[in-house]
Amino acid sequence: MTAHRWRKSSYSNPNGNCVELTNALDRLRDSKDPKGPTLKVDVTAFIRAIKTGRFDR
């Protein structure tokens, strides 16, 4: 398995509750569980969905 370099938003809570993203922008994980599962994502499609309001309530 390839080691990923993870980064957390500078806007995250001090208690560490945040989503982290790899430097390659292809995987997400819960910062509270760094050894837990990761989610492989197509960031381009994800950003497009956000911009078009797909996740709006």
C-alpha atoms as a PDB file:
ATOM      1  CA  MET A   1       0.000   0.000   0.000  1.00  0.00           C
ATOM      2  CA  THR A   2       1.286   3.445  -0.894  1.00  0.00           C
ATOM      3  CA  ALA A   3       1.803   5.871   1.966  1.00  0.00           C
ATOM      4  CA  HIS A   4      -0.283   9.013   1.602  1.00  0.00           C
ATOM      5  CA  ARG A   5       0.604  12.468   2.859  1.00  0.00           C
ATOM      6  CA  TRP A   6      -2.437  13.880   4.629  1.00  0.00           C
ATOM      7  CA  ARG A   7      -3.376  17.483   5.322  1.00  0.00           C
ATOM      8  CA  LYS A   8      -6.078  19.063   7.412  1.00  0.00           C
ATOM      9  CA  SER A   9      -7.759  22.381   6.828  1.00  0.00           C
ATOM     10  CA  SER A  10      -6.380  25.321   8.753  1.00  0.00           C
ATOM     11  CA  TYR A  11     -10.049  26.069   9.556  1.00  0.00           C
ATOM     12  CA  SER A  12     -10.496  22.788  11.464  1.00  0.00           C
ATOM     13  CA  ASN A  13     -11.555  22.727  15.101  1.00  0.00           C
ATOM     14  CA  PRO A  14      -8.833  22.676  17.769  1.00  0.00           C
ATOM     15  CA  ASN A  15     -10.217  19.339  18.999  1.00  0.00           C
ATOM     16  CA  GLY A  16      -9.237  17.741  15.682  1.00  0.00           C
ATOM     17  CA  ASN A  17     -12.717  16.974  14.336  1.00  0.00           C
ATOM     18  CA  CYS A  18     -12.091  17.394  10.658  1.00  0.00           C
ATOM     19  CA  VAL A  19     -11.841  15.644   7.343  1.00  0.00           C
ATOM     20  CA  GLU A  20      -8.326  15.244   5.968  1.00  0.00           C
ATOM     21  CA  LEU A  21      -7.342  15.097   2.307  1.00  0.00           C
ATOM     22  CA  THR A  22      -4.262  13.599   0.683  1.00  0.00           C
ATOM     23  CA  ASN A  23      -1.836  15.852  -1.135  1.00  0.00           C
ATOM     24  CA  ALA A  24      -2.813  13.996  -4.313  1.00  0.00           C
ATOM     25  CA  LEU A  25      -6.434  15.139  -3.695  1.00  0.00           C
ATOM     26  CA  ASP A  26      -7.772  11.625  -4.228  1.00  0.00           C
ATOM     27  CA  ARG A  27      -8.616  10.316  -0.727  1.00  0.00           C
ATOM     28  CA  LEU A  28     -10.504  11.563   2.333  1.00  0.00           C
ATOM     29  CA  ARG A  29     -10.468  10.314   5.922  1.00  0.00           C
ATOM     30  CA  ASP A  30     -11.766  11.226   9.369  1.00  0.00           C
ATOM     31  CA  SER A  31      -8.980  12.961  11.300  1.00  0.00           C
ATOM     32  CA  LYS A  32     -10.182  11.344  14.551  1.00  0.00           C
ATOM     33  CA  ASP A  33      -9.461   7.878  13.079  1.00  0.00           C
ATOM     34  CA  PRO A  34      -6.255   8.150  11.003  1.00  0.00           C
ATOM     35  CA  LYS A  35      -5.829   4.368  10.833  1.00  0.00           C
ATOM     36  CA  GLY A  36      -9.467   3.881   9.837  1.00  0.00           C
ATOM     37  CA  PRO A  37     -10.972   3.619   6.378  1.00  0.00           C
ATOM     38  CA  THR A  38     -10.378   6.124   3.618  1.00  0.00           C
ATOM     39  CA  LEU A  39     -12.675   7.220   0.835  1.00  0.00           C
ATOM     40  CA  LYS A  40     -11.284   7.374  -2.688  1.00  0.00           C
ATOM     41  CA  VAL A  41     -12.804  10.364  -4.484  1.00  0.00           C
ATOM     42  CA  ASP A  42     -12.719  12.104  -7.832  1.00  0.00           C
ATOM     43  CA  VAL A  43     -12.125  15.603  -6.478  1.00  0.00           C
ATOM     44  CA  THR A  44     -12.892  17.301  -9.793  1.00  0.00           C
ATOM     45  CA  ALA A  45     -16.340  15.693  -9.919  1.00  0.00           C
ATOM     46  CA  PHE A  46     -16.871  16.381  -6.205  1.00  0.00           C
ATOM     47  CA  ILE A  47     -16.091  20.097  -6.584  1.00  0.00           C
ATOM     48  CA  ARG A  48     -18.292  20.285  -9.669  1.00  0.00           C
ATOM     49  CA  ALA A  49     -21.180  18.739  -7.686  1.00  0.00           C
ATOM     50  CA  ILE A  50     -20.680  21.270  -4.876  1.00  0.00           C
ATOM     51  CA  LYS A  51     -20.628  24.200  -7.289  1.00  0.00           C
ATOM     52  CA  THR A  52     -23.796  23.045  -9.042  1.00  0.00           C
ATOM     53  CA  GLY A  53     -25.674  22.725  -5.741  1.00  0.00           C
ATOM     54  CA  ARG A  54     -26.009  18.954  -5.723  1.00  0.00           C
ATOM     55  CA  PHE A  55     -25.548  18.824  -1.937  1.00  0.00           C
ATOM     56  CA  ASP A  56     -27.733  21.836  -1.117  1.00  0.00           C
ATOM     57  CA  ARG A  57     -30.741  21.173   1.060  1.00  0.00           C
END
